[in-house]
Each structure stands twice: as C-alpha cells, then as structure tokens.
Amino acid sequence: MNQHASRNKRHSGKASQCSAGKNGRTVIALALGLGWVGSLLAGQGAQHPAKEVDSNPISETPHLVFNGSTGTVGMDAHHNDELIFADGTFHSRECQKIGFEKSTFNIARDGNEIQFSAVNVSSRYGTLTWQGVIRDGVINARYQWKKERIFWTIQREYWFNGEATDVRR
C-alpha cells in the first residue's frame, strides 16, 4: 500500500493503532531526573533550573501517566492512548503493544513548562520521534512516524493531547 492510500486503509492494522511503526535504536539519553516533574504536576513547583541534573537516581523518579487522544496532524482523533514516564523510560502504551520499545528521554524546564523529547524504535515499524510540552498536568505532543522502505520512506506526523492521571514517586 502506498502513502496515498485511503484514510480507512491507512488506519487499519496494527501499525495504525499506535499511529506509527517500528525500527531502530533508542537515541535520546536521559538528561535530567524527573523528581521535580512530579512536584510540578502536584502543584508544588519545580526547584531545579533546566540545565541542572537532578541527583535522584532513575529508580526514584516519579511514575507519570497521561491519558488522552491521538490523531494525524490536521485531523480528528482516531484513538485514545497513554503516555508513560516511569523508571527513567518513556513509551506509548498502544505503540508498545505492537513492538515499539521503551526509551530514555530528554526533559528541560522553561518557566512553568517542561519540554520533553524521545525516540521509540521498532525493528518492524520504524521510529517514533516525540516532542512535547507538559504544563499544569496537561501534555501536548507531536510525534513523527518514519519507516524506511526499499523504494520509498513512509513519514507521517501525529499529535497527542492528554492529562496526568497517575503521578507517583
């Protein structure tokens, strides 16, 4: 099926359930701890500047779950998903079901916003490259699915909007 297949065909099958594919290696390293992210989401405010590395070990970082909707950029949502930050890793629950691996991630604080980026990889479906902002317990992200094929490359952009539903230390 080519890139210009009908919307219904494009959104059928396992890869479309997570809005992307699988293949590659995790390339984003954990740059900052998440101890202060949990404080921010709980309304206590962050205490560390963006470039300062949190001294909390990965095992002490909070568990953050965002429930929300996702869809192709410029279109309505086509399914719900959960984005999970836990034990120093990031993943989409729906994408993990079809083989996208958990990955490390980057975070930086800019005022009362937390910016994050991550890359999830699947040996079968390609890569998902994530960028987003967390503010007041709400996450807004965009992610790009890229799958290199023999004669062409599939490249699509999606959005995710959600709210924090689980914040644990």
C-alpha atoms as a PDB file:
ATOM      1  CA  MET A   1       0.000   0.000   0.000  1.00  0.00           C
ATOM      2  CA  ASN A   2       1.424   3.412  -0.858  1.00  0.00           C
ATOM      3  CA  GLN A   3       1.497   6.596   1.201  1.00  0.00           C
ATOM      4  CA  HIS A   4      -1.581   7.929  -0.553  1.00  0.00           C
ATOM      5  CA  ALA A   5      -3.896   5.045   0.344  1.00  0.00           C
ATOM      6  CA  SER A   6      -7.356   5.938   1.562  1.00  0.00           C
ATOM      7  CA  ARG A   7      -7.753   7.121   5.152  1.00  0.00           C
ATOM      8  CA  ASN A   8      -9.658   3.978   6.116  1.00  0.00           C
ATOM      9  CA  LYS A   9      -6.994   1.656   4.774  1.00  0.00           C
ATOM     10  CA  ARG A  10      -4.241   3.786   6.275  1.00  0.00           C
ATOM     11  CA  HIS A  11      -5.757   3.491   9.711  1.00  0.00           C
ATOM     12  CA  SER A  12      -6.393  -0.234   9.665  1.00  0.00           C
ATOM     13  CA  GLY A  13      -3.961  -2.778  11.061  1.00  0.00           C
ATOM     14  CA  LYS A  14      -1.560  -2.872  13.964  1.00  0.00           C
ATOM     15  CA  ALA A  15       0.731  -0.015  12.943  1.00  0.00           C
ATOM     16  CA  SER A  16      -2.132   2.466  12.783  1.00  0.00           C
ATOM     17  CA  GLN A  17      -3.306   1.514  16.284  1.00  0.00           C
ATOM     18  CA  CYS A  18      -0.335   3.420  17.609  1.00  0.00           C
ATOM     19  CA  SER A  19      -0.243   5.797  14.620  1.00  0.00           C
ATOM     20  CA  ALA A  20       3.196   4.661  13.577  1.00  0.00           C
ATOM     21  CA  GLY A  21       5.760   1.937  13.024  1.00  0.00           C
ATOM     22  CA  LYS A  22       8.852   0.122  14.468  1.00  0.00           C
ATOM     23  CA  ASN A  23      12.632   0.032  13.617  1.00  0.00           C
ATOM     24  CA  GLY A  24      15.776   1.496  15.070  1.00  0.00           C
ATOM     25  CA  ARG A  25      17.653   2.194  18.282  1.00  0.00           C
ATOM     26  CA  THR A  26      16.925   4.432  21.179  1.00  0.00           C
ATOM     27  CA  VAL A  27      18.959   7.578  20.634  1.00  0.00           C
ATOM     28  CA  ILE A  28      17.765  10.005  23.268  1.00  0.00           C
ATOM     29  CA  ALA A  29      19.556   9.789  26.637  1.00  0.00           C
ATOM     30  CA  LEU A  30      18.062  10.734  29.974  1.00  0.00           C
ATOM     31  CA  ALA A  31      19.362  14.263  30.537  1.00  0.00           C
ATOM     32  CA  LEU A  32      17.548  15.290  33.689  1.00  0.00           C
ATOM     33  CA  GLY A  33      15.866  13.461  36.553  1.00  0.00           C
ATOM     34  CA  LEU A  34      12.113  13.560  36.976  1.00  0.00           C
ATOM     35  CA  GLY A  35      11.955  14.200  40.710  1.00  0.00           C
ATOM     36  CA  TRP A  36      10.985  17.813  40.145  1.00  0.00           C
ATOM     37  CA  VAL A  37       8.443  16.925  37.417  1.00  0.00           C
ATOM     38  CA  GLY A  38       6.284  15.115  39.964  1.00  0.00           C
ATOM     39  CA  SER A  39       6.472  18.183  42.215  1.00  0.00           C
ATOM     40  CA  LEU A  40       5.383  20.432  39.367  1.00  0.00           C
ATOM     41  CA  LEU A  41       2.451  18.221  38.416  1.00  0.00           C
ATOM     42  CA  ALA A  42       1.399  18.011  42.042  1.00  0.00           C
ATOM     43  CA  GLY A  43       1.359  21.822  42.154  1.00  0.00           C
ATOM     44  CA  GLN A  44       4.460  22.236  44.324  1.00  0.00           C
ATOM     45  CA  GLY A  45       6.597  23.889  41.639  1.00  0.00           C
ATOM     46  CA  ALA A  46       9.955  22.885  40.235  1.00  0.00           C
ATOM     47  CA  GLN A  47      13.107  23.721  42.142  1.00  0.00           C
ATOM     48  CA  HIS A  48      15.824  22.983  39.562  1.00  0.00           C
ATOM     49  CA  PRO A  49      16.882  25.067  36.566  1.00  0.00           C
ATOM     50  CA  ALA A  50      16.612  23.376  33.169  1.00  0.00           C
ATOM     51  CA  LYS A  51      20.289  22.530  32.751  1.00  0.00           C
ATOM     52  CA  GLU A  52      20.900  21.256  36.252  1.00  0.00           C
ATOM     53  CA  VAL A  53      20.904  17.484  36.508  1.00  0.00           C
ATOM     54  CA  ASP A  54      18.694  16.100  39.268  1.00  0.00           C
ATOM     55  CA  SER A  55      20.670  13.951  41.684  1.00  0.00           C
ATOM     56  CA  ASN A  56      17.815  11.457  42.190  1.00  0.00           C
ATOM     57  CA  PRO A  57      18.656   8.044  40.787  1.00  0.00           C
ATOM     58  CA  ILE A  58      16.400   6.805  37.993  1.00  0.00           C
ATOM     59  CA  SER A  59      14.679   4.358  40.346  1.00  0.00           C
ATOM     60  CA  GLU A  60      13.488   7.289  42.477  1.00  0.00           C
ATOM     61  CA  THR A  61      11.890   9.237  39.624  1.00  0.00           C
ATOM     62  CA  PRO A  62       8.104   9.516  39.668  1.00  0.00           C
ATOM     63  CA  HIS A  63       5.712   7.433  37.645  1.00  0.00           C
ATOM     64  CA  LEU A  64       3.695   9.733  35.347  1.00  0.00           C
ATOM     65  CA  VAL A  65       0.793   8.582  33.175  1.00  0.00           C
ATOM     66  CA  PHE A  66      -1.034  10.840  30.720  1.00  0.00           C
ATOM     67  CA  ASN A  67      -4.323   9.635  29.208  1.00  0.00           C
ATOM     68  CA  GLY A  68      -5.533  11.314  26.050  1.00  0.00           C
ATOM     69  CA  SER A  69      -6.387  11.258  22.391  1.00  0.00           C
ATOM     70  CA  THR A  70      -4.156  10.981  19.356  1.00  0.00           C
ATOM     71  CA  GLY A  71      -4.588  11.513  15.636  1.00  0.00           C
ATOM     72  CA  THR A  72      -2.992  12.567  12.388  1.00  0.00           C
ATOM     73  CA  VAL A  73      -1.955  16.237  12.337  1.00  0.00           C
ATOM     74  CA  GLY A  74      -4.786  18.227  10.768  1.00  0.00           C
ATOM     75  CA  MET A  75      -7.399  15.554  11.523  1.00  0.00           C
ATOM     76  CA  ASP A  76      -9.589  14.489  14.437  1.00  0.00           C
ATOM     77  CA  ALA A  77      -8.521  11.893  16.973  1.00  0.00           C
ATOM     78  CA  HIS A  78      -8.661   8.274  15.843  1.00  0.00           C
ATOM     79  CA  HIS A  79      -7.952   6.556  19.178  1.00  0.00           C
ATOM     80  CA  ASN A  80      -7.006   7.018  22.830  1.00  0.00           C
ATOM     81  CA  ASP A  81      -3.599   6.224  24.266  1.00  0.00           C
ATOM     82  CA  GLU A  82      -1.466   6.568  27.391  1.00  0.00           C
ATOM     83  CA  LEU A  83       1.969   8.138  27.513  1.00  0.00           C
ATOM     84  CA  ILE A  84       4.021   6.787  30.392  1.00  0.00           C
ATOM     85  CA  PHE A  85       7.153   8.159  32.046  1.00  0.00           C
ATOM     86  CA  ALA A  86       8.393   5.543  34.542  1.00  0.00           C
ATOM     87  CA  ASP A  87      11.739   4.231  35.805  1.00  0.00           C
ATOM     88  CA  GLY A  88      13.640   6.622  33.550  1.00  0.00           C
ATOM     89  CA  THR A  89      11.842   5.479  30.383  1.00  0.00           C
ATOM     90  CA  PHE A  90       9.098   6.802  28.109  1.00  0.00           C
ATOM     91  CA  HIS A  91       6.583   4.923  25.974  1.00  0.00           C
ATOM     92  CA  SER A  92       3.135   4.931  24.418  1.00  0.00           C
ATOM     93  CA  ARG A  93       1.032   2.024  25.694  1.00  0.00           C
ATOM     94  CA  GLU A  94      -0.593   1.423  22.276  1.00  0.00           C
ATOM     95  CA  CYS A  95       2.708   1.586  20.402  1.00  0.00           C
ATOM     96  CA  GLN A  96       4.411  -0.729  22.876  1.00  0.00           C
ATOM     97  CA  LYS A  97       1.711  -3.332  22.159  1.00  0.00           C
ATOM     98  CA  ILE A  98       2.952  -3.631  18.574  1.00  0.00           C
ATOM     99  CA  GLY A  99       6.658  -3.607  19.320  1.00  0.00           C
ATOM    100  CA  PHE A 100       7.889  -0.073  19.900  1.00  0.00           C
ATOM    101  CA  GLU A 101      10.401  -0.275  22.720  1.00  0.00           C
ATOM    102  CA  LYS A 102      10.532   1.935  25.787  1.00  0.00           C
ATOM    103  CA  SER A 103      13.241   4.575  25.532  1.00  0.00           C
ATOM    104  CA  THR A 104      15.061   7.117  27.613  1.00  0.00           C
ATOM    105  CA  PHE A 105      14.062  10.739  27.118  1.00  0.00           C
ATOM    106  CA  ASN A 106      15.253  14.332  27.446  1.00  0.00           C
ATOM    107  CA  ILE A 107      13.486  16.908  29.583  1.00  0.00           C
ATOM    108  CA  ALA A 108      14.137  20.589  30.195  1.00  0.00           C
ATOM    109  CA  ARG A 109      12.299  23.205  32.212  1.00  0.00           C
ATOM    110  CA  ASP A 110      11.351  26.552  30.713  1.00  0.00           C
ATOM    111  CA  GLY A 111       9.436  28.597  33.283  1.00  0.00           C
ATOM    112  CA  ASN A 112       6.446  26.504  34.314  1.00  0.00           C
ATOM    113  CA  GLU A 113       6.680  24.301  31.218  1.00  0.00           C
ATOM    114  CA  ILE A 114       8.548  21.045  30.916  1.00  0.00           C
ATOM    115  CA  GLN A 115       9.701  20.170  27.412  1.00  0.00           C
ATOM    116  CA  PHE A 116      10.461  16.569  26.539  1.00  0.00           C
ATOM    117  CA  SER A 117      11.733  14.577  23.594  1.00  0.00           C
ATOM    118  CA  ALA A 118      12.162  10.858  23.000  1.00  0.00           C
ATOM    119  CA  VAL A 119      12.628   8.310  20.229  1.00  0.00           C
ATOM    120  CA  ASN A 120      10.909   4.916  20.361  1.00  0.00           C
ATOM    121  CA  VAL A 121      12.145   2.222  17.992  1.00  0.00           C
ATOM    122  CA  SER A 122      10.641  -0.891  16.467  1.00  0.00           C
ATOM    123  CA  SER A 123      12.576  -3.357  14.345  1.00  0.00           C
ATOM    124  CA  ARG A 124       9.454  -3.904  12.234  1.00  0.00           C
ATOM    125  CA  TYR A 125       7.742  -0.498  12.066  1.00  0.00           C
ATOM    126  CA  GLY A 126      10.497   2.147  12.218  1.00  0.00           C
ATOM    127  CA  THR A 127      10.885   5.049  14.621  1.00  0.00           C
ATOM    128  CA  LEU A 128       8.643   7.427  16.535  1.00  0.00           C
ATOM    129  CA  THR A 129      10.256  10.787  17.307  1.00  0.00           C
ATOM    130  CA  TRP A 130       8.412  12.638  20.073  1.00  0.00           C
ATOM    131  CA  GLN A 131       8.484  16.290  21.167  1.00  0.00           C
ATOM    132  CA  GLY A 132       6.092  17.819  23.639  1.00  0.00           C
ATOM    133  CA  VAL A 133       5.302  20.157  26.490  1.00  0.00           C
ATOM    134  CA  ILE A 134       3.890  19.418  29.934  1.00  0.00           C
ATOM    135  CA  ARG A 135       2.197  22.315  31.719  1.00  0.00           C
ATOM    136  CA  ASP A 136      -0.155  22.200  34.719  1.00  0.00           C
ATOM    137  CA  GLY A 137      -0.677  18.437  34.397  1.00  0.00           C
ATOM    138  CA  VAL A 138      -1.540  18.641  30.678  1.00  0.00           C
ATOM    139  CA  ILE A 139       0.645  17.232  27.913  1.00  0.00           C
ATOM    140  CA  ASN A 140       0.639  18.348  24.281  1.00  0.00           C
ATOM    141  CA  ALA A 141       2.935  16.436  21.965  1.00  0.00           C
ATOM    142  CA  ARG A 142       3.675  15.788  18.340  1.00  0.00           C
ATOM    143  CA  TYR A 143       5.366  12.692  17.052  1.00  0.00           C
ATOM    144  CA  GLN A 144       6.623  11.607  13.700  1.00  0.00           C
ATOM    145  CA  TRP A 145       6.491   8.053  12.425  1.00  0.00           C
ATOM    146  CA  LYS A 146       9.241   7.206   9.955  1.00  0.00           C
ATOM    147  CA  LYS A 147       9.627   3.837   8.250  1.00  0.00           C
ATOM    148  CA  GLU A 148      12.261   3.433   5.577  1.00  0.00           C
ATOM    149  CA  ARG A 149      11.245   1.016   2.832  1.00  0.00           C
ATOM    150  CA  ILE A 150      13.179  -0.341  -0.121  1.00  0.00           C
ATOM    151  CA  PHE A 151      11.722   2.085  -2.690  1.00  0.00           C
ATOM    152  CA  TRP A 152      10.243   4.857  -0.518  1.00  0.00           C
ATOM    153  CA  THR A 153      10.057   6.183   3.024  1.00  0.00           C
ATOM    154  CA  ILE A 154       6.819   6.489   4.959  1.00  0.00           C
ATOM    155  CA  GLN A 155       6.774   9.645   7.042  1.00  0.00           C
ATOM    156  CA  ARG A 156       3.683  10.868   8.918  1.00  0.00           C
ATOM    157  CA  GLU A 157       3.070  13.316  11.738  1.00  0.00           C
ATOM    158  CA  TYR A 158       0.650  12.814  14.632  1.00  0.00           C
ATOM    159  CA  TRP A 159      -0.492  14.688  17.741  1.00  0.00           C
ATOM    160  CA  PHE A 160      -1.290  13.617  21.321  1.00  0.00           C
ATOM    161  CA  ASN A 161      -3.139  15.676  23.940  1.00  0.00           C
ATOM    162  CA  GLY A 162      -3.799  14.354  27.425  1.00  0.00           C
ATOM    163  CA  GLU A 163      -3.995  14.928  31.153  1.00  0.00           C
ATOM    164  CA  ALA A 164      -1.975  13.438  34.000  1.00  0.00           C
ATOM    165  CA  THR A 165      -3.974  10.633  35.614  1.00  0.00           C
ATOM    166  CA  ASP A 166      -1.287   9.000  37.743  1.00  0.00           C
ATOM    167  CA  VAL A 167       1.594  10.768  39.479  1.00  0.00           C
ATOM    168  CA  ARG A 168       3.591   8.648  41.942  1.00  0.00           C
ATOM    169  CA  ARG A 169       7.036   8.988  43.464  1.00  0.00           C
END
